[in-house]
Amino acid sequence: AAVAGYPHLTVPAGFVHGLPVGLSFVGPPYSEPLLI
């Protein structure tokens, strides 16, 4: 998404030994309403 210039949303998904990890949602350009 960074190289393409496209939107990327990460949302907390859970923990591994108390350390957070996130789930990513990536879409086409200007799809922020959808990803949100």
PDB file of all heavy atoms in Angstrom:
ATOM      1  N   ALA A   1       0.826  -1.214   0.000  1.00  0.00           N
ATOM      2  CA  ALA A   1       0.000   0.000   0.000  1.00  0.00           C
ATOM      3  C   ALA A   1       0.853   1.254   0.000  1.00  0.00           C
ATOM      4  O   ALA A   1       0.486   2.273  -0.598  1.00  0.00           O
ATOM      5  CB  ALA A   1      -0.942  -0.003   1.204  1.00  0.00           C
ATOM      6  N   ALA A   2       1.998   1.204   0.685  1.00  0.00           N
ATOM      7  CA  ALA A   2       2.873   2.377   0.740  1.00  0.00           C
ATOM      8  C   ALA A   2       3.408   2.736  -0.639  1.00  0.00           C
ATOM      9  O   ALA A   2       3.388   3.902  -1.049  1.00  0.00           O
ATOM     10  CB  ALA A   2       4.026   2.122   1.706  1.00  0.00           C
ATOM     11  N   VAL A   3       3.895   1.749  -1.373  1.00  0.00           N
ATOM     12  CA  VAL A   3       4.458   2.011  -2.699  1.00  0.00           C
ATOM     13  C   VAL A   3       3.354   2.412  -3.677  1.00  0.00           C
ATOM     14  O   VAL A   3       3.534   3.314  -4.502  1.00  0.00           O
ATOM     15  CB  VAL A   3       5.226   0.778  -3.207  1.00  0.00           C
ATOM     16  CG1 VAL A   3       5.734   0.996  -4.626  1.00  0.00           C
ATOM     17  CG2 VAL A   3       6.402   0.474  -2.277  1.00  0.00           C
ATOM     18  N   ALA A   4       2.201   1.773  -3.579  1.00  0.00           N
ATOM     19  CA  ALA A   4       1.087   2.111  -4.460  1.00  0.00           C
ATOM     20  C   ALA A   4       0.486   3.475  -4.137  1.00  0.00           C
ATOM     21  O   ALA A   4      -0.142   4.099  -4.996  1.00  0.00           O
ATOM     22  CB  ALA A   4       0.004   1.034  -4.363  1.00  0.00           C
ATOM     23  N   GLY A   5       0.661   3.933  -2.902  1.00  0.00           N
ATOM     24  CA  GLY A   5       0.017   5.169  -2.461  1.00  0.00           C
ATOM     25  C   GLY A   5      -1.425   4.959  -2.054  1.00  0.00           C
ATOM     26  O   GLY A   5      -2.214   5.908  -2.004  1.00  0.00           O
ATOM     27  N   TYR A   6      -1.788   3.706  -1.728  1.00  0.00           N
ATOM     28  CA  TYR A   6      -3.168   3.349  -1.406  1.00  0.00           C
ATOM     29  C   TYR A   6      -3.407   3.368   0.102  1.00  0.00           C
ATOM     30  O   TYR A   6      -2.465   3.253   0.891  1.00  0.00           O
ATOM     31  CB  TYR A   6      -3.485   1.963  -1.963  1.00  0.00           C
ATOM     32  CG  TYR A   6      -3.559   1.879  -3.471  1.00  0.00           C
ATOM     33  CD1 TYR A   6      -3.349   2.997  -4.288  1.00  0.00           C
ATOM     34  CD2 TYR A   6      -3.832   0.664  -4.096  1.00  0.00           C
ATOM     35  CE1 TYR A   6      -3.419   2.896  -5.669  1.00  0.00           C
ATOM     36  CE2 TYR A   6      -3.909   0.559  -5.480  1.00  0.00           C
ATOM     37  CZ  TYR A   6      -3.700   1.674  -6.262  1.00  0.00           C
ATOM     38  OH  TYR A   6      -3.771   1.583  -7.628  1.00  0.00           O
ATOM     39  N   PRO A   7      -4.654   3.462   0.532  1.00  0.00           N
ATOM     40  CA  PRO A   7      -4.942   3.552   1.974  1.00  0.00           C
ATOM     41  C   PRO A   7      -4.748   2.219   2.685  1.00  0.00           C
ATOM     42  O   PRO A   7      -4.977   1.146   2.118  1.00  0.00           O
ATOM     43  CB  PRO A   7      -6.397   4.000   2.021  1.00  0.00           C
ATOM     44  CG  PRO A   7      -6.990   3.497   0.742  1.00  0.00           C
ATOM     45  CD  PRO A   7      -5.886   3.602  -0.275  1.00  0.00           C
ATOM     46  N   HIS A   8      -4.347   2.323   3.950  1.00  0.00           N
ATOM     47  CA  HIS A   8      -4.043   1.152   4.774  1.00  0.00           C
ATOM     48  C   HIS A   8      -4.483   1.471   6.201  1.00  0.00           C
ATOM     49  O   HIS A   8      -3.998   2.423   6.811  1.00  0.00           O
ATOM     50  CB  HIS A   8      -2.542   0.874   4.704  1.00  0.00           C
ATOM     51  CG  HIS A   8      -2.093  -0.337   5.456  1.00  0.00           C
ATOM     52  ND1 HIS A   8      -0.819  -0.866   5.320  1.00  0.00           N
ATOM     53  CD2 HIS A   8      -2.708  -1.144   6.369  1.00  0.00           C
ATOM     54  CE1 HIS A   8      -0.684  -1.918   6.105  1.00  0.00           C
ATOM     55  NE2 HIS A   8      -1.814  -2.097   6.760  1.00  0.00           N
ATOM     56  N   LEU A   9      -5.397   0.673   6.719  1.00  0.00           N
ATOM     57  CA  LEU A   9      -5.900   0.827   8.082  1.00  0.00           C
ATOM     58  C   LEU A   9      -5.504  -0.389   8.905  1.00  0.00           C
ATOM     59  O   LEU A   9      -5.725  -1.527   8.483  1.00  0.00           O
ATOM     60  CB  LEU A   9      -7.429   0.940   8.068  1.00  0.00           C
ATOM     61  CG  LEU A   9      -8.135   0.982   9.431  1.00  0.00           C
ATOM     62  CD1 LEU A   9      -7.872   2.300  10.148  1.00  0.00           C
ATOM     63  CD2 LEU A   9      -9.639   0.746   9.260  1.00  0.00           C
ATOM     64  N   THR A  10      -4.908  -0.152  10.080  1.00  0.00           N
ATOM     65  CA  THR A  10      -4.664  -1.246  11.022  1.00  0.00           C
ATOM     66  C   THR A  10      -5.532  -1.053  12.254  1.00  0.00           C
ATOM     67  O   THR A  10      -5.715   0.077  12.724  1.00  0.00           O
ATOM     68  CB  THR A  10      -3.174  -1.349  11.407  1.00  0.00           C
ATOM     69  OG1 THR A  10      -2.997  -2.457  12.300  1.00  0.00           O
ATOM     70  CG2 THR A  10      -2.663  -0.098  12.074  1.00  0.00           C
ATOM     71  N   VAL A  11      -6.063  -2.159  12.766  1.00  0.00           N
ATOM     72  CA  VAL A  11      -6.966  -2.159  13.928  1.00  0.00           C
ATOM     73  C   VAL A  11      -6.471  -3.228  14.896  1.00  0.00           C
ATOM     74  O   VAL A  11      -6.076  -4.320  14.464  1.00  0.00           O
ATOM     75  CB  VAL A  11      -8.419  -2.468  13.495  1.00  0.00           C
ATOM     76  CG1 VAL A  11      -9.365  -2.452  14.699  1.00  0.00           C
ATOM     77  CG2 VAL A  11      -8.890  -1.457  12.444  1.00  0.00           C
ATOM     78  N   PRO A  12      -6.457  -2.942  16.206  1.00  0.00           N
ATOM     79  CA  PRO A  12      -6.008  -3.957  17.161  1.00  0.00           C
ATOM     80  C   PRO A  12      -6.754  -5.277  16.998  1.00  0.00           C
ATOM     81  O   PRO A  12      -7.989  -5.311  16.887  1.00  0.00           O
ATOM     82  CB  PRO A  12      -6.308  -3.319  18.519  1.00  0.00           C
ATOM     83  CG  PRO A  12      -6.229  -1.846  18.260  1.00  0.00           C
ATOM     84  CD  PRO A  12      -6.794  -1.670  16.880  1.00  0.00           C
ATOM     85  N   ALA A  13      -5.985  -6.378  16.973  1.00  0.00           N
ATOM     86  CA  ALA A  13      -6.563  -7.703  16.762  1.00  0.00           C
ATOM     87  C   ALA A  13      -6.394  -8.624  17.960  1.00  0.00           C
ATOM     88  O   ALA A  13      -7.157  -9.576  18.121  1.00  0.00           O
ATOM     89  CB  ALA A  13      -5.941  -8.359  15.530  1.00  0.00           C
ATOM     90  N   GLY A  14      -5.378  -8.395  18.777  1.00  0.00           N
ATOM     91  CA  GLY A  14      -5.132  -9.283  19.905  1.00  0.00           C
ATOM     92  C   GLY A  14      -3.716  -9.117  20.411  1.00  0.00           C
ATOM     93  O   GLY A  14      -3.041  -8.125  20.114  1.00  0.00           O
ATOM     94  N   PHE A  15      -3.255 -10.122  21.160  1.00  0.00           N
ATOM     95  CA  PHE A  15      -1.965 -10.039  21.834  1.00  0.00           C
ATOM     96  C   PHE A  15      -1.195 -11.344  21.701  1.00  0.00           C
ATOM     97  O   PHE A  15      -1.797 -12.424  21.646  1.00  0.00           O
ATOM     98  CB  PHE A  15      -2.160  -9.727  23.321  1.00  0.00           C
ATOM     99  CG  PHE A  15      -2.723  -8.353  23.577  1.00  0.00           C
ATOM    100  CD1 PHE A  15      -4.087  -8.111  23.479  1.00  0.00           C
ATOM    101  CD2 PHE A  15      -1.889  -7.300  23.901  1.00  0.00           C
ATOM    102  CE1 PHE A  15      -4.611  -6.847  23.700  1.00  0.00           C
ATOM    103  CE2 PHE A  15      -2.393  -6.032  24.124  1.00  0.00           C
ATOM    104  CZ  PHE A  15      -3.763  -5.807  24.028  1.00  0.00           C
ATOM    105  N   VAL A  16       0.117 -11.220  21.677  1.00  0.00           N
ATOM    106  CA  VAL A  16       1.029 -12.353  21.757  1.00  0.00           C
ATOM    107  C   VAL A  16       1.937 -12.106  22.955  1.00  0.00           C
ATOM    108  O   VAL A  16       2.722 -11.161  22.955  1.00  0.00           O
ATOM    109  CB  VAL A  16       1.866 -12.498  20.466  1.00  0.00           C
ATOM    110  CG1 VAL A  16       2.932 -13.563  20.637  1.00  0.00           C
ATOM    111  CG2 VAL A  16       0.959 -12.815  19.276  1.00  0.00           C
ATOM    112  N   HIS A  17       1.765 -12.892  24.005  1.00  0.00           N
ATOM    113  CA  HIS A  17       2.519 -12.688  25.250  1.00  0.00           C
ATOM    114  C   HIS A  17       2.403 -11.248  25.752  1.00  0.00           C
ATOM    115  O   HIS A  17       3.379 -10.644  26.177  1.00  0.00           O
ATOM    116  CB  HIS A  17       3.987 -13.076  25.066  1.00  0.00           C
ATOM    117  CG  HIS A  17       4.204 -14.552  24.874  1.00  0.00           C
ATOM    118  ND1 HIS A  17       3.927 -15.474  25.856  1.00  0.00           N
ATOM    119  CD2 HIS A  17       4.664 -15.246  23.812  1.00  0.00           C
ATOM    120  CE1 HIS A  17       4.209 -16.686  25.404  1.00  0.00           C
ATOM    121  NE2 HIS A  17       4.653 -16.578  24.164  1.00  0.00           N
ATOM    122  N   GLY A  18       1.192 -10.714  25.688  1.00  0.00           N
ATOM    123  CA  GLY A  18       0.947  -9.366  26.175  1.00  0.00           C
ATOM    124  C   GLY A  18       1.349  -8.255  25.233  1.00  0.00           C
ATOM    125  O   GLY A  18       1.201  -7.075  25.576  1.00  0.00           O
ATOM    126  N   LEU A  19       1.851  -8.593  24.045  1.00  0.00           N
ATOM    127  CA  LEU A  19       2.280  -7.596  23.062  1.00  0.00           C
ATOM    128  C   LEU A  19       1.240  -7.496  21.949  1.00  0.00           C
ATOM    129  O   LEU A  19       0.840  -8.512  21.369  1.00  0.00           O
ATOM    130  CB  LEU A  19       3.637  -7.984  22.473  1.00  0.00           C
ATOM    131  CG  LEU A  19       4.781  -8.130  23.479  1.00  0.00           C
ATOM    132  CD1 LEU A  19       6.016  -8.690  22.792  1.00  0.00           C
ATOM    133  CD2 LEU A  19       5.092  -6.790  24.145  1.00  0.00           C
ATOM    134  N   PRO A  20       0.791  -6.296  21.631  1.00  0.00           N
ATOM    135  CA  PRO A  20      -0.289  -6.142  20.646  1.00  0.00           C
ATOM    136  C   PRO A  20       0.129  -6.512  19.224  1.00  0.00           C
ATOM    137  O   PRO A  20       1.288  -6.346  18.835  1.00  0.00           O
ATOM    138  CB  PRO A  20      -0.618  -4.647  20.723  1.00  0.00           C
ATOM    139  CG  PRO A  20      -0.046  -4.156  22.004  1.00  0.00           C
ATOM    140  CD  PRO A  20       1.160  -5.010  22.256  1.00  0.00           C
ATOM    141  N   VAL A  21      -0.850  -6.972  18.465  1.00  0.00           N
ATOM    142  CA  VAL A  21      -0.711  -7.134  17.016  1.00  0.00           C
ATOM    143  C   VAL A  21      -1.988  -6.619  16.366  1.00  0.00           C
ATOM    144  O   VAL A  21      -3.069  -6.646  16.966  1.00  0.00           O
ATOM    145  CB  VAL A  21      -0.458  -8.601  16.597  1.00  0.00           C
ATOM    146  CG1 VAL A  21       0.898  -9.079  17.074  1.00  0.00           C
ATOM    147  CG2 VAL A  21      -1.549  -9.525  17.121  1.00  0.00           C
ATOM    148  N   GLY A  22      -1.862  -6.144  15.125  1.00  0.00           N
ATOM    149  CA  GLY A  22      -2.997  -5.554  14.435  1.00  0.00           C
ATOM    150  C   GLY A  22      -3.374  -6.294  13.176  1.00  0.00           C
ATOM    151  O   GLY A  22      -2.565  -7.021  12.583  1.00  0.00           O
ATOM    152  N   LEU A  23      -4.616  -6.083  12.751  1.00  0.00           N
ATOM    153  CA  LEU A  23      -5.130  -6.609  11.490  1.00  0.00           C
ATOM    154  C   LEU A  23      -5.221  -5.460  10.501  1.00  0.00           C
ATOM    155  O   LEU A  23      -5.766  -4.396  10.811  1.00  0.00           O
ATOM    156  CB  LEU A  23      -6.509  -7.229  11.681  1.00  0.00           C
ATOM    157  CG  LEU A  23      -7.185  -7.781  10.408  1.00  0.00           C
ATOM    158  CD1 LEU A  23      -6.454  -9.015   9.906  1.00  0.00           C
ATOM    159  CD2 LEU A  23      -8.662  -8.090  10.659  1.00  0.00           C
ATOM    160  N   SER A  24      -4.695  -5.672   9.294  1.00  0.00           N
ATOM    161  CA  SER A  24      -4.668  -4.641   8.259  1.00  0.00           C
ATOM    162  C   SER A  24      -5.805  -4.801   7.270  1.00  0.00           C
ATOM    163  O   SER A  24      -6.157  -5.922   6.879  1.00  0.00           O
ATOM    164  CB  SER A  24      -3.344  -4.684   7.492  1.00  0.00           C
ATOM    165  OG  SER A  24      -2.286  -4.150   8.249  1.00  0.00           O
ATOM    166  N   PHE A  25      -6.342  -3.651   6.852  1.00  0.00           N
ATOM    167  CA  PHE A  25      -7.317  -3.561   5.765  1.00  0.00           C
ATOM    168  C   PHE A  25      -6.722  -2.618   4.712  1.00  0.00           C
ATOM    169  O   PHE A  25      -6.421  -1.458   5.011  1.00  0.00           O
ATOM    170  CB  PHE A  25      -8.642  -2.985   6.257  1.00  0.00           C
ATOM    171  CG  PHE A  25      -9.340  -3.813   7.298  1.00  0.00           C
ATOM    172  CD1 PHE A  25      -8.995  -3.701   8.638  1.00  0.00           C
ATOM    173  CD2 PHE A  25     -10.354  -4.694   6.948  1.00  0.00           C
ATOM    174  CE1 PHE A  25      -9.638  -4.452   9.611  1.00  0.00           C
ATOM    175  CE2 PHE A  25     -11.012  -5.450   7.917  1.00  0.00           C
ATOM    176  CZ  PHE A  25     -10.650  -5.332   9.248  1.00  0.00           C
ATOM    177  N   VAL A  26      -6.544  -3.105   3.493  1.00  0.00           N
ATOM    178  CA  VAL A  26      -5.969  -2.310   2.406  1.00  0.00           C
ATOM    179  C   VAL A  26      -6.955  -2.281   1.253  1.00  0.00           C
ATOM    180  O   VAL A  26      -7.519  -3.321   0.868  1.00  0.00           O
ATOM    181  CB  VAL A  26      -4.621  -2.895   1.946  1.00  0.00           C
ATOM    182  CG1 VAL A  26      -4.151  -2.255   0.642  1.00  0.00           C
ATOM    183  CG2 VAL A  26      -3.564  -2.707   3.030  1.00  0.00           C
ATOM    184  N   GLY A  27      -7.183  -1.095   0.697  1.00  0.00           N
ATOM    185  CA  GLY A  27      -8.128  -0.966  -0.404  1.00  0.00           C
ATOM    186  C   GLY A  27      -7.591  -0.111  -1.523  1.00  0.00           C
ATOM    187  O   GLY A  27      -6.446   0.369  -1.480  1.00  0.00           O
ATOM    188  N   PRO A  28      -8.402   0.127  -2.551  1.00  0.00           N
ATOM    189  CA  PRO A  28      -7.991   0.964  -3.680  1.00  0.00           C
ATOM    190  C   PRO A  28      -7.919   2.427  -3.259  1.00  0.00           C
ATOM    191  O   PRO A  28      -8.335   2.789  -2.148  1.00  0.00           O
ATOM    192  CB  PRO A  28      -9.096   0.725  -4.714  1.00  0.00           C
ATOM    193  CG  PRO A  28     -10.294   0.332  -3.906  1.00  0.00           C
ATOM    194  CD  PRO A  28      -9.761  -0.421  -2.732  1.00  0.00           C
ATOM    195  N   PRO A  29      -7.384   3.292  -4.118  1.00  0.00           N
ATOM    196  CA  PRO A  29      -7.254   4.696  -3.732  1.00  0.00           C
ATOM    197  C   PRO A  29      -8.593   5.331  -3.382  1.00  0.00           C
ATOM    198  O   PRO A  29      -9.621   5.020  -3.986  1.00  0.00           O
ATOM    199  CB  PRO A  29      -6.615   5.350  -4.970  1.00  0.00           C
ATOM    200  CG  PRO A  29      -6.816   4.387  -6.086  1.00  0.00           C
ATOM    201  CD  PRO A  29      -6.863   3.044  -5.472  1.00  0.00           C
ATOM    202  N   TYR A  30      -8.548   6.187  -2.368  1.00  0.00           N
ATOM    203  CA  TYR A  30      -9.701   6.942  -1.884  1.00  0.00           C
ATOM    204  C   TYR A  30     -10.830   6.042  -1.373  1.00  0.00           C
ATOM    205  O   TYR A  30     -11.992   6.428  -1.389  1.00  0.00           O
ATOM    206  CB  TYR A  30     -10.220   7.904  -2.968  1.00  0.00           C
ATOM    207  CG  TYR A  30      -9.161   8.874  -3.406  1.00  0.00           C
ATOM    208  CD1 TYR A  30      -8.472   8.665  -4.600  1.00  0.00           C
ATOM    209  CD2 TYR A  30      -8.817   9.962  -2.620  1.00  0.00           C
ATOM    210  CE1 TYR A  30      -7.468   9.539  -4.999  1.00  0.00           C
ATOM    211  CE2 TYR A  30      -7.809  10.840  -3.014  1.00  0.00           C
ATOM    212  CZ  TYR A  30      -7.131  10.626  -4.198  1.00  0.00           C
ATOM    213  OH  TYR A  30      -6.137  11.474  -4.588  1.00  0.00           O
ATOM    214  N   SER A  31     -10.463   4.854  -0.876  1.00  0.00           N
ATOM    215  CA  SER A  31     -11.463   3.958  -0.285  1.00  0.00           C
ATOM    216  C   SER A  31     -11.494   4.077   1.233  1.00  0.00           C
ATOM    217  O   SER A  31     -11.946   3.161   1.918  1.00  0.00           O
ATOM    218  CB  SER A  31     -11.187   2.507  -0.698  1.00  0.00           C
ATOM    219  OG  SER A  31      -9.920   2.065  -0.230  1.00  0.00           O
ATOM    220  N   GLU A  32     -11.056   5.214   1.763  1.00  0.00           N
ATOM    221  CA  GLU A  32     -11.064   5.405   3.217  1.00  0.00           C
ATOM    222  C   GLU A  32     -12.440   5.203   3.835  1.00  0.00           C
ATOM    223  O   GLU A  32     -12.532   4.579   4.915  1.00  0.00           O
ATOM    224  CB  GLU A  32     -10.515   6.796   3.572  1.00  0.00           C
ATOM    225  CG  GLU A  32      -9.011   6.903   3.519  1.00  0.00           C
ATOM    226  CD  GLU A  32      -8.442   7.102   2.137  1.00  0.00           C
ATOM    227  OE1 GLU A  32      -9.236   7.148   1.151  1.00  0.00           O
ATOM    228  OE2 GLU A  32      -7.203   7.227   2.005  1.00  0.00           O
ATOM    229  N   PRO A  33     -13.541   5.688   3.244  1.00  0.00           N
ATOM    230  CA  PRO A  33     -14.845   5.413   3.863  1.00  0.00           C
ATOM    231  C   PRO A  33     -15.127   3.925   4.024  1.00  0.00           C
ATOM    232  O   PRO A  33     -15.649   3.487   5.066  1.00  0.00           O
ATOM    233  CB  PRO A  33     -15.834   6.077   2.898  1.00  0.00           C
ATOM    234  CG  PRO A  33     -15.045   7.186   2.268  1.00  0.00           C
ATOM    235  CD  PRO A  33     -13.659   6.617   2.097  1.00  0.00           C
ATOM    236  N   LEU A  34     -14.779   3.140   3.010  1.00  0.00           N
ATOM    237  CA  LEU A  34     -14.969   1.693   3.097  1.00  0.00           C
ATOM    238  C   LEU A  34     -14.100   1.093   4.191  1.00  0.00           C
ATOM    239  O   LEU A  34     -14.592   0.313   5.034  1.00  0.00           O
ATOM    240  CB  LEU A  34     -14.621   1.052   1.753  1.00  0.00           C
ATOM    241  CG  LEU A  34     -14.482  -0.479   1.752  1.00  0.00           C
ATOM    242  CD1 LEU A  34     -15.809  -1.140   2.071  1.00  0.00           C
ATOM    243  CD2 LEU A  34     -13.925  -0.962   0.418  1.00  0.00           C
ATOM    244  N   LEU A  35     -12.810   1.428   4.209  1.00  0.00           N
ATOM    245  CA  LEU A  35     -11.908   0.840   5.192  1.00  0.00           C
ATOM    246  C   LEU A  35     -12.309   1.230   6.608  1.00  0.00           C
ATOM    247  O   LEU A  35     -12.237   0.407   7.540  1.00  0.00           O
ATOM    248  CB  LEU A  35     -10.465   1.263   4.913  1.00  0.00           C
ATOM    249  CG  LEU A  35      -9.865   0.841   3.565  1.00  0.00           C
ATOM    250  CD1 LEU A  35      -8.383   1.193   3.526  1.00  0.00           C
ATOM    251  CD2 LEU A  35     -10.075  -0.636   3.287  1.00  0.00           C
ATOM    252  N   ILE A  36     -12.722   2.469   6.800  1.00  0.00           N
ATOM    253  CA  ILE A  36     -13.177   2.905   8.122  1.00  0.00           C
ATOM    254  C   ILE A  36     -14.397   2.108   8.555  1.00  0.00           C
ATOM    255  O   ILE A  36     -14.497   1.680   9.711  1.00  0.00           O
ATOM    256  CB  ILE A  36     -13.455   4.423   8.114  1.00  0.00           C
ATOM    257  CG1 ILE A  36     -12.130   5.188   8.077  1.00  0.00           C
ATOM    258  CG2 ILE A  36     -14.281   4.843   9.323  1.00  0.00           C
ATOM    259  CD1 ILE A  36     -12.276   6.675   7.791  1.00  0.00           C
TER     260      ILE A  36
END
